[in-house]
Structure formats: structure tokens, C-alpha cells
Protein backbone atom coordinates (compact mmCIF):
# COMPACT_ATOMS: atom_id res chain seq x y z
CA MET A 1 0.00 0.00 0.00
CA ASN A 2 1.20 3.48 -0.80
CA VAL A 3 1.57 5.61 2.34
CA LEU A 4 -0.20 8.47 0.60
CA ASP A 5 -3.28 6.30 0.02
CA ASP A 6 -4.11 6.57 3.73
CA ILE A 7 -3.81 10.29 4.40
CA ARG A 8 -6.62 11.30 6.74
CA GLY A 9 -5.90 13.94 9.30
CA LYS A 10 -2.85 16.01 10.09
CA ASN A 11 -0.18 13.29 10.36
CA LEU A 12 0.77 9.84 9.09
CA ILE A 13 2.00 8.38 12.38
CA GLY A 14 -0.96 8.52 14.77
CA ASP A 15 -2.07 4.91 14.39
CA ARG A 16 1.49 3.63 14.62
CA VAL A 17 2.26 5.65 17.76
CA ARG A 18 -0.72 4.04 19.50
CA GLN A 19 0.24 0.61 18.15
CA ALA A 20 3.84 0.95 19.35
CA ARG A 21 2.75 2.14 22.81
CA CYS A 22 0.30 -0.70 23.25
CA LYS A 23 2.44 -3.56 21.93
CA THR A 24 5.06 -3.26 24.68
CA LYS A 25 4.80 -5.25 27.89
CA PRO A 26 3.81 -3.43 30.00
CA LYS A 27 2.09 -0.91 27.77
CA ILE A 28 3.61 2.57 27.60
CA THR A 29 1.05 5.10 28.78
CA GLN A 30 0.61 8.45 27.09
CA MET A 31 2.05 10.09 30.22
CA GLU A 32 5.09 7.81 30.14
CA LEU A 33 5.64 8.66 26.48
CA LEU A 34 5.46 12.36 27.38
CA ALA A 35 8.11 11.77 30.06
CA ARG A 36 10.35 9.91 27.60
CA LEU A 37 10.00 12.78 25.14
CA ALA A 38 10.81 15.34 27.85
CA VAL A 39 14.09 13.51 28.57
CA ARG A 40 14.89 14.01 24.88
CA GLY A 41 14.14 17.74 25.09
CA ILE A 42 10.61 17.61 23.65
CA GLU A 43 8.16 19.26 26.04
CA LEU A 44 4.53 18.64 25.07
CA GLU A 45 1.17 19.29 26.71
CA LYS A 46 -0.68 16.43 28.43
CA THR A 47 -3.22 16.15 25.61
CA THR A 48 -0.70 16.16 22.77
CA ILE A 49 -0.13 12.40 22.48
CA SER A 50 -3.89 11.85 22.25
CA LYS A 51 -4.13 14.50 19.53
CA ILE A 52 -1.23 12.93 17.61
CA GLU A 53 -2.81 9.47 17.88
CA SER A 54 -6.16 10.79 16.67
CA LYS A 55 -4.38 12.65 13.84
CA THR A 56 -5.72 16.04 14.90
CA ARG A 57 -2.23 17.47 15.50
CA SER A 58 0.68 17.73 13.12
CA VAL A 59 4.10 16.36 14.09
CA THR A 60 7.39 18.14 13.41
CA ASP A 61 10.41 16.30 12.08
CA ILE A 62 12.18 16.77 15.42
CA GLU A 63 9.18 15.31 17.27
CA LEU A 64 9.08 12.40 14.81
CA VAL A 65 12.70 11.50 15.56
CA ALA A 66 12.13 11.75 19.33
CA ILE A 67 8.91 9.71 19.22
CA ALA A 68 10.59 6.94 17.22
CA ASP A 69 13.51 6.86 19.66
CA SER A 70 11.20 6.93 22.69
CA LEU A 71 9.18 3.99 21.37
CA ASN A 72 12.23 2.09 20.10
CA VAL A 73 10.88 1.90 16.55
CA SER A 74 12.19 3.25 13.26
CA ILE A 75 10.99 6.45 11.67
CA LEU A 76 10.10 4.47 8.54
CA TRP A 77 7.95 2.13 10.61
CA LEU A 78 6.11 5.08 12.18
CA LEU A 79 5.50 6.45 8.69
CA GLY A 80 4.04 3.10 7.56
CA MET A 81 6.88 2.40 5.17
CA GLU A 82 8.10 -0.80 6.88
């Protein structure tokens, strides 16, 4: 499937962020992801992860790199290209 076939919303990674958070044992909460991002210098509001996952908020390239690192997944995977 072409990544561009599934553009709905303001980002491509929302579904994959939720999937990556929930596939770990134990699951990574949205608050824990926020804390992991803060350690990497990305300070976000409490509601931001929910907005990213629901594709109602855009993601910067710097945030993309930090999210991938925080979830221990590749950027390409987050973008649906792996």
C-alpha cells in the first residue's frame, strides 16, 4: 500500500504511535511517552499524544525522531513504510 493512500488527518503516524505504545509489555502510557520525550528535550502538553494518535495534531520532524527513539521503533515504521 502506498503511504499516501491513507492520508486522513494532520499526520501519518498517529495509528502507529498508539500501536507501538500498546504492543510493549507493559504498555507505555501516554504520560510515560510524554516523560520519555521530555528527557529528549521535547516538552509537550498532556493532551498532545492523544491528539497525535487521533491525527488532529501535526508532528514536526524533530518530534518524529524523538517519538521513534522513545518507542524504540524506526521512523520508517512510524510512517508506515516498513
